[in-house]
Amino acid sequence: MAEPPYGVIWNRLKRGRVVPFLGAGASLAARPAGACWDPDKPLSLPSGAELSRLLAEETSFPFTRPNDVDDLATVSSYYCDMNGRRVLRERLRELLVGDYPCSPLHHFLASIDVPLVFVVTNYDTLLEQAFTAAARPYDLVIHPADRRDYANAVLWWPQGAAEPQFREPNRLEQDIDLARTTVIYKMHGSVCRDTARWDNFVITEDDYIDFLSRMTTHTAVPSLFSADFRDKSFLFLGYSLRDWNLRVVLKNLGREQAMRTESQGDGPDDDELPRSWAIQRNPSEFERRLWEARGVSIFDVDIDEFVGKLREAAEGGRT
């Protein structure tokens, strides 16, 4: 099987021409191979399935098939209905805030000394921790989901701010200069390490329906970011296209890129669209076909191995 084009990826990364997307697998990159998650002695963050099974057990989730307990959106919806949104939010905080180690991936991304937009669909703060450890400045933007008092805004923490500012999603252009500022955009909400006040999560079925409906009205992804994405490559790390809501996000981003090419006068020519990449271990044939249909080259490579070779490309000065 062909290897990822490490030189090309690094060359575009160091020029700010790549948007890294971090999925669930990125948060598990630091977990030792074969290690199991123990909620009583957690040494790493849980996977989505592990989190779902724990919530299902705690709330006596009724299921008919064993795999039903692995559906985090369905289990979270039941948990919320039975116990209330606040109880769900508090339990997620207990499970997600801890001294979990950053992986080589997070440290490498934090070492790239150019302004980038990172899109993170995990709820943890590993990437922010890596940036803080590297003394690298960044702005944080979180899409709120489960708080009605600011459901139509995004939360924006300028570099070093203790409290967020509320912004309409399509007015961030007035506040953030992407040519000078690195932004971590938490698309599905986030836990906040310093205070529970701002914790919020896109996690239940209703949350995803609301988020995807906002995708259709162009208010889910701030226009500042979607415009910036149009002529850049995407680097998907730790994702699986079994996740249907990710497929919807990809479809919308692909439409934005095609519109940009068409607006340049040549029509939506696939050859003119920048190529994107996905790093995923043991993808199914179904996932391969889905990635390729969306203009994404998929590579069956372990994330740690990928980061190691990408670092070699950076240190070797490939162009």
Protein backbone atom coordinates (compact mmCIF):
# COMPACT_ATOMS: atom_id res chain seq x y z
CA MET A 1 0.00 0.00 0.00
CA ALA A 2 1.22 3.52 -0.81
CA GLU A 3 2.54 5.65 2.03
CA PRO A 4 1.24 9.12 2.85
CA PRO A 5 3.01 11.93 0.94
CA TYR A 6 4.84 13.11 4.05
CA GLY A 7 6.86 15.75 2.22
CA VAL A 8 3.81 17.27 0.56
CA ILE A 9 1.80 17.27 3.78
CA TRP A 10 4.62 18.91 5.74
CA ASN A 11 5.30 21.44 2.99
CA ARG A 12 1.67 22.55 3.05
CA LEU A 13 1.47 22.44 6.85
CA LYS A 14 4.46 24.72 7.34
CA ARG A 15 2.91 27.20 4.91
CA GLY A 16 -0.42 27.20 6.72
CA ARG A 17 -2.19 25.45 3.86
CA VAL A 18 -3.61 22.54 5.87
CA VAL A 19 -6.53 22.34 8.30
CA PRO A 20 -5.95 19.47 10.79
CA PHE A 21 -9.16 17.76 11.97
CA LEU A 22 -8.79 15.80 15.22
CA GLY A 23 -11.24 13.01 15.91
CA ALA A 24 -11.69 10.44 18.67
CA GLY A 25 -8.67 8.37 17.65
CA ALA A 26 -6.40 11.38 18.12
CA SER A 27 -7.28 11.52 21.81
CA LEU A 28 -6.42 7.84 22.25
CA ALA A 29 -3.02 8.04 20.54
CA ALA A 30 -1.22 8.16 23.90
CA ARG A 31 -2.91 4.99 25.20
CA PRO A 32 -0.55 1.97 25.37
CA ALA A 33 -1.35 -0.69 22.80
CA GLY A 34 -3.84 -3.22 24.14
CA ALA A 35 -4.62 -1.19 27.28
CA CYS A 36 -8.22 -1.14 28.48
CA TRP A 37 -9.94 1.88 29.95
CA ASP A 38 -10.80 1.59 33.65
CA PRO A 39 -13.21 4.31 34.85
CA ASP A 40 -12.04 3.79 38.45
CA LYS A 41 -8.34 4.19 37.56
CA PRO A 42 -8.33 6.09 34.26
CA LEU A 43 -4.89 6.43 32.70
CA SER A 44 -6.27 7.73 29.43
CA LEU A 45 -9.47 9.16 28.03
CA PRO A 46 -12.29 6.76 27.12
CA SER A 47 -13.21 5.97 23.55
CA GLY A 48 -16.70 6.88 22.43
CA ALA A 49 -17.84 3.27 22.79
CA GLU A 50 -16.29 2.96 26.27
CA LEU A 51 -17.97 6.16 27.41
CA SER A 52 -21.26 5.03 25.93
CA ARG A 53 -21.13 1.65 27.70
CA LEU A 54 -20.45 3.27 31.06
CA LEU A 55 -23.33 5.74 30.70
CA ALA A 56 -25.59 2.90 29.55
CA GLU A 57 -24.72 0.84 32.62
CA GLU A 58 -25.23 3.74 35.02
CA THR A 59 -28.64 4.68 33.67
CA SER A 60 -29.88 1.10 33.08
CA PHE A 61 -30.20 1.74 29.36
CA PRO A 62 -32.72 -0.67 27.79
CA PHE A 63 -31.30 -2.43 24.76
CA THR A 64 -32.28 -5.26 22.47
CA ARG A 65 -28.94 -5.87 20.75
CA PRO A 66 -25.49 -5.83 22.41
CA ASN A 67 -24.19 -3.14 20.03
CA ASP A 68 -26.96 -0.74 21.08
CA VAL A 69 -24.92 0.29 24.13
CA ASP A 70 -22.09 1.50 21.85
CA ASP A 71 -24.23 4.25 20.28
CA LEU A 72 -23.15 7.28 22.31
CA ALA A 73 -25.74 9.67 20.85
CA THR A 74 -28.63 7.31 21.64
CA VAL A 75 -27.34 6.36 25.08
CA SER A 76 -26.66 10.03 25.95
CA SER A 77 -30.18 10.95 24.86
CA TYR A 78 -31.65 8.33 27.18
CA TYR A 79 -29.32 9.37 30.02
CA CYS A 80 -30.41 12.98 29.57
CA ASP A 81 -34.12 12.10 29.43
CA MET A 82 -33.91 9.96 32.57
CA ASN A 83 -31.60 12.12 34.68
CA GLY A 84 -31.55 15.64 33.25
CA ARG A 85 -29.07 17.58 31.13
CA ARG A 86 -27.15 18.95 34.11
CA VAL A 87 -26.49 15.47 35.51
CA LEU A 88 -25.20 14.32 32.13
CA ARG A 89 -22.96 17.37 31.84
CA GLU A 90 -21.57 16.88 35.34
CA ARG A 91 -20.87 13.19 34.72
CA LEU A 92 -19.06 13.95 31.48
CA ARG A 93 -16.90 16.46 33.30
CA GLU A 94 -15.97 13.88 35.95
CA LEU A 95 -14.86 11.49 33.21
CA LEU A 96 -13.10 13.92 30.87
CA VAL A 97 -11.18 16.25 33.18
CA GLY A 98 -8.00 14.64 34.48
CA ASP A 99 -4.24 14.52 34.16
CA TYR A 100 -4.35 12.67 30.88
CA PRO A 101 -1.13 12.70 28.86
CA CYS A 102 -0.84 14.51 25.54
CA SER A 103 0.36 12.29 22.70
CA PRO A 104 3.28 12.93 20.32
CA LEU A 105 0.61 14.05 17.84
CA HIS A 106 -0.58 16.89 20.08
CA HIS A 107 2.97 17.99 20.87
CA PHE A 108 3.96 17.94 17.20
CA LEU A 109 0.96 20.00 16.12
CA ALA A 110 1.70 22.53 18.87
CA SER A 111 5.27 22.86 17.57
CA ILE A 112 4.26 24.07 14.09
CA ASP A 113 5.18 27.73 14.16
CA VAL A 114 2.64 29.13 11.68
CA PRO A 115 -0.96 30.25 12.19
CA LEU A 116 -3.34 27.32 11.64
CA VAL A 117 -6.99 26.53 12.26
CA PHE A 118 -7.47 23.24 14.10
CA VAL A 119 -10.93 21.66 14.05
CA VAL A 120 -11.49 19.34 17.02
CA THR A 121 -14.62 17.24 17.48
CA ASN A 122 -13.44 15.73 20.79
CA TYR A 123 -14.54 17.08 24.15
CA ASP A 124 -11.12 16.89 25.84
CA THR A 125 -8.48 19.63 26.16
CA LEU A 126 -5.36 17.69 25.10
CA LEU A 127 -4.53 20.00 22.19
CA GLU A 128 -4.92 23.10 24.34
CA GLN A 129 -2.67 21.52 26.98
CA ALA A 130 0.01 20.83 24.37
CA PHE A 131 -0.10 24.45 23.17
CA THR A 132 0.17 25.70 26.74
CA ALA A 133 3.13 23.40 27.42
CA ALA A 134 4.85 24.70 24.29
CA ALA A 135 4.13 28.34 25.29
CA ARG A 136 2.36 28.78 21.94
CA PRO A 137 -0.47 31.35 21.77
CA TYR A 138 -3.88 30.41 20.39
CA ASP A 139 -7.48 31.59 20.39
CA LEU A 140 -10.18 29.12 21.42
CA VAL A 141 -13.61 29.04 19.77
CA ILE A 142 -16.25 26.63 21.03
CA HIS A 143 -19.56 25.82 19.42
CA PRO A 144 -22.07 25.72 22.30
CA ALA A 145 -24.76 23.11 22.15
CA ASP A 146 -26.67 22.44 25.34
CA ARG A 147 -27.11 25.89 26.87
CA ARG A 148 -30.13 27.82 25.66
CA ASP A 149 -28.79 31.14 26.98
CA TYR A 150 -26.08 31.25 24.30
CA ALA A 151 -27.24 28.69 21.75
CA ASN A 152 -27.08 31.17 18.85
CA ALA A 153 -23.52 32.31 19.56
CA VAL A 154 -20.02 30.91 19.65
CA LEU A 155 -17.80 31.27 22.68
CA TRP A 156 -14.49 32.99 21.90
CA TRP A 157 -11.52 33.06 24.24
CA PRO A 158 -8.85 35.42 22.90
CA GLN A 159 -5.33 34.36 23.82
CA GLY A 160 -4.93 34.45 27.60
CA ALA A 161 -8.54 35.38 28.38
CA ALA A 162 -10.05 33.86 31.52
CA GLU A 163 -13.64 34.29 30.33
CA PRO A 164 -15.13 33.87 26.85
CA GLN A 165 -16.84 36.49 24.78
CA PHE A 166 -20.10 35.81 22.98
CA ARG A 167 -20.02 36.29 19.23
CA GLU A 168 -22.45 35.69 16.39
CA PRO A 169 -20.87 32.87 14.36
CA ASN A 170 -20.55 34.92 11.18
CA ARG A 171 -19.05 38.01 12.81
CA LEU A 172 -15.77 36.59 14.03
CA GLU A 173 -14.07 38.22 11.04
CA GLN A 174 -14.10 41.43 13.05
CA ASP A 175 -12.17 39.83 15.91
CA ILE A 176 -9.74 37.23 14.56
CA ASP A 177 -7.04 37.66 11.91
CA LEU A 178 -6.28 34.14 10.70
CA ALA A 179 -3.10 35.35 9.00
CA ARG A 180 -1.67 36.05 12.47
CA THR A 181 -3.64 33.86 14.87
CA THR A 182 -3.81 30.12 15.52
CA VAL A 183 -7.34 29.02 16.38
CA ILE A 184 -8.55 25.82 18.02
CA TYR A 185 -12.18 25.41 16.99
CA LYS A 186 -14.13 22.88 19.08
CA MET A 187 -16.93 22.00 16.68
CA HIS A 188 -18.87 19.72 19.06
CA GLY A 189 -18.40 21.59 22.32
CA SER A 190 -15.84 20.92 25.02
CA VAL A 191 -15.13 20.41 28.67
CA CYS A 192 -13.34 23.42 30.18
CA ARG A 193 -10.56 22.54 32.62
CA ASP A 194 -10.70 25.64 34.82
CA THR A 195 -14.45 25.86 35.42
CA ALA A 196 -17.56 23.82 34.77
CA ARG A 197 -19.48 26.95 33.87
CA TRP A 198 -18.67 26.72 30.16
CA ASP A 199 -18.86 22.94 29.71
CA ASN A 200 -21.15 22.00 26.83
CA PHE A 201 -21.41 19.03 24.51
CA VAL A 202 -22.91 18.08 21.15
CA ILE A 203 -23.60 14.53 22.25
CA THR A 204 -27.30 13.58 22.19
CA GLU A 205 -29.33 12.83 19.08
CA ASP A 206 -31.15 16.16 19.43
CA ASP A 207 -27.79 17.96 19.69
CA TYR A 208 -26.63 16.47 16.41
CA ILE A 209 -29.91 17.24 14.68
CA ASP A 210 -29.65 20.86 15.81
CA PHE A 211 -26.00 21.10 14.76
CA LEU A 212 -26.67 19.63 11.32
CA SER A 213 -29.67 21.90 10.80
CA ARG A 214 -27.36 24.82 11.49
CA MET A 215 -24.99 23.42 8.87
CA THR A 216 -27.71 23.90 6.27
CA THR A 217 -28.17 27.56 7.28
CA HIS A 218 -24.39 28.19 7.39
CA THR A 219 -24.42 29.11 11.08
CA ALA A 220 -22.74 25.99 12.49
CA VAL A 221 -19.24 26.64 11.12
CA PRO A 222 -18.39 30.35 11.38
CA SER A 223 -17.98 31.91 7.94
CA LEU A 224 -14.47 33.06 8.93
CA PHE A 225 -13.43 29.40 9.01
CA SER A 226 -15.46 28.05 6.10
CA ALA A 227 -14.06 30.75 3.81
CA ASP A 228 -10.55 29.93 4.99
CA PHE A 229 -11.12 26.22 4.29
CA ARG A 230 -12.01 26.64 0.65
CA ASP A 231 -8.51 26.46 -0.81
CA LYS A 232 -6.81 24.36 1.84
CA SER A 233 -6.16 20.67 2.33
CA PHE A 234 -7.75 18.80 5.22
CA LEU A 235 -5.81 16.34 7.35
CA PHE A 236 -8.16 13.97 9.18
CA LEU A 237 -6.61 12.27 12.19
CA GLY A 238 -8.47 9.68 14.23
CA TYR A 239 -11.74 9.66 12.28
CA SER A 240 -14.03 6.96 11.00
CA LEU A 241 -16.61 7.58 8.29
CA ARG A 242 -18.97 5.24 10.09
CA ASP A 243 -19.84 8.51 11.86
CA TRP A 244 -22.70 9.80 9.70
CA ASN A 245 -22.62 13.36 11.04
CA LEU A 246 -18.97 13.65 9.93
CA ARG A 247 -20.08 12.65 6.43
CA VAL A 248 -22.56 15.55 6.44
CA VAL A 249 -19.83 17.96 7.59
CA LEU A 250 -17.52 16.68 4.85
CA LYS A 251 -20.21 17.11 2.23
CA ASN A 252 -20.75 20.73 3.24
CA LEU A 253 -17.03 21.49 3.29
CA GLY A 254 -16.65 19.93 -0.14
CA ARG A 255 -19.46 22.12 -1.43
CA GLU A 256 -17.67 25.21 -0.07
CA GLN A 257 -14.45 24.22 -1.89
CA ALA A 258 -16.31 23.65 -5.15
CA MET A 259 -18.01 27.04 -4.86
CA ARG A 260 -14.61 28.69 -4.39
CA THR A 261 -13.23 27.04 -7.54
CA GLU A 262 -16.33 27.96 -9.52
CA SER A 263 -16.11 31.58 -8.36
CA GLN A 264 -12.60 31.77 -9.81
CA GLY A 265 -14.09 31.41 -13.27
CA ASP A 266 -13.11 27.91 -14.33
CA GLY A 267 -16.02 25.92 -12.93
CA PRO A 268 -15.74 23.20 -10.27
CA ASP A 269 -12.77 21.31 -11.72
CA ASP A 270 -11.71 18.46 -9.42
CA ASP A 271 -8.10 18.84 -10.55
CA GLU A 272 -8.02 22.34 -9.08
CA LEU A 273 -9.29 21.33 -5.64
CA PRO A 274 -6.53 20.72 -3.08
CA ARG A 275 -6.17 17.07 -2.11
CA SER A 276 -6.92 16.04 1.47
CA TRP A 277 -5.74 13.07 3.53
CA ALA A 278 -7.09 10.76 6.24
CA ILE A 279 -4.92 8.68 8.57
CA GLN A 280 -6.94 5.74 9.83
CA ARG A 281 -5.87 2.33 11.06
CA ASN A 282 -7.60 -0.68 9.46
CA PRO A 283 -10.29 1.14 7.47
CA SER A 284 -13.05 -0.98 5.99
CA GLU A 285 -13.67 -1.09 2.24
CA PHE A 286 -16.85 0.89 2.92
CA GLU A 287 -14.84 3.67 4.58
CA ARG A 288 -12.21 3.67 1.82
CA ARG A 289 -14.87 4.22 -0.79
CA LEU A 290 -16.53 6.99 1.23
CA TRP A 291 -13.25 8.86 1.78
CA GLU A 292 -12.24 8.60 -1.88
CA ALA A 293 -15.69 9.75 -3.04
CA ARG A 294 -15.07 12.92 -1.04
CA GLY A 295 -11.67 13.62 -2.54
CA VAL A 296 -9.77 12.34 0.50
CA SER A 297 -6.84 9.94 0.15
CA ILE A 298 -6.90 7.44 3.00
CA PHE A 299 -3.80 5.77 4.44
CA ASP A 300 -3.75 2.77 6.73
CA VAL A 301 -1.08 4.04 9.12
CA ASP A 302 -0.85 4.20 12.91
CA ILE A 303 -1.04 7.82 14.11
CA ASP A 304 2.20 7.58 16.10
CA GLU A 305 4.01 6.20 13.05
CA PHE A 306 2.53 8.95 10.90
CA VAL A 307 3.66 11.65 13.33
CA GLY A 308 7.15 10.16 13.56
CA LYS A 309 7.64 10.20 9.79
CA LEU A 310 6.08 13.64 9.45
CA ARG A 311 8.53 14.89 12.06
CA GLU A 312 11.38 13.33 10.05
CA ALA A 313 10.13 15.21 6.98
CA ALA A 314 10.12 18.43 9.00
CA GLU A 315 13.58 17.89 10.43
CA GLY A 316 14.96 16.76 7.08
CA GLY A 317 13.75 19.94 5.39
CA ARG A 318 11.82 18.21 2.62
CA THR A 319 10.04 20.51 0.23
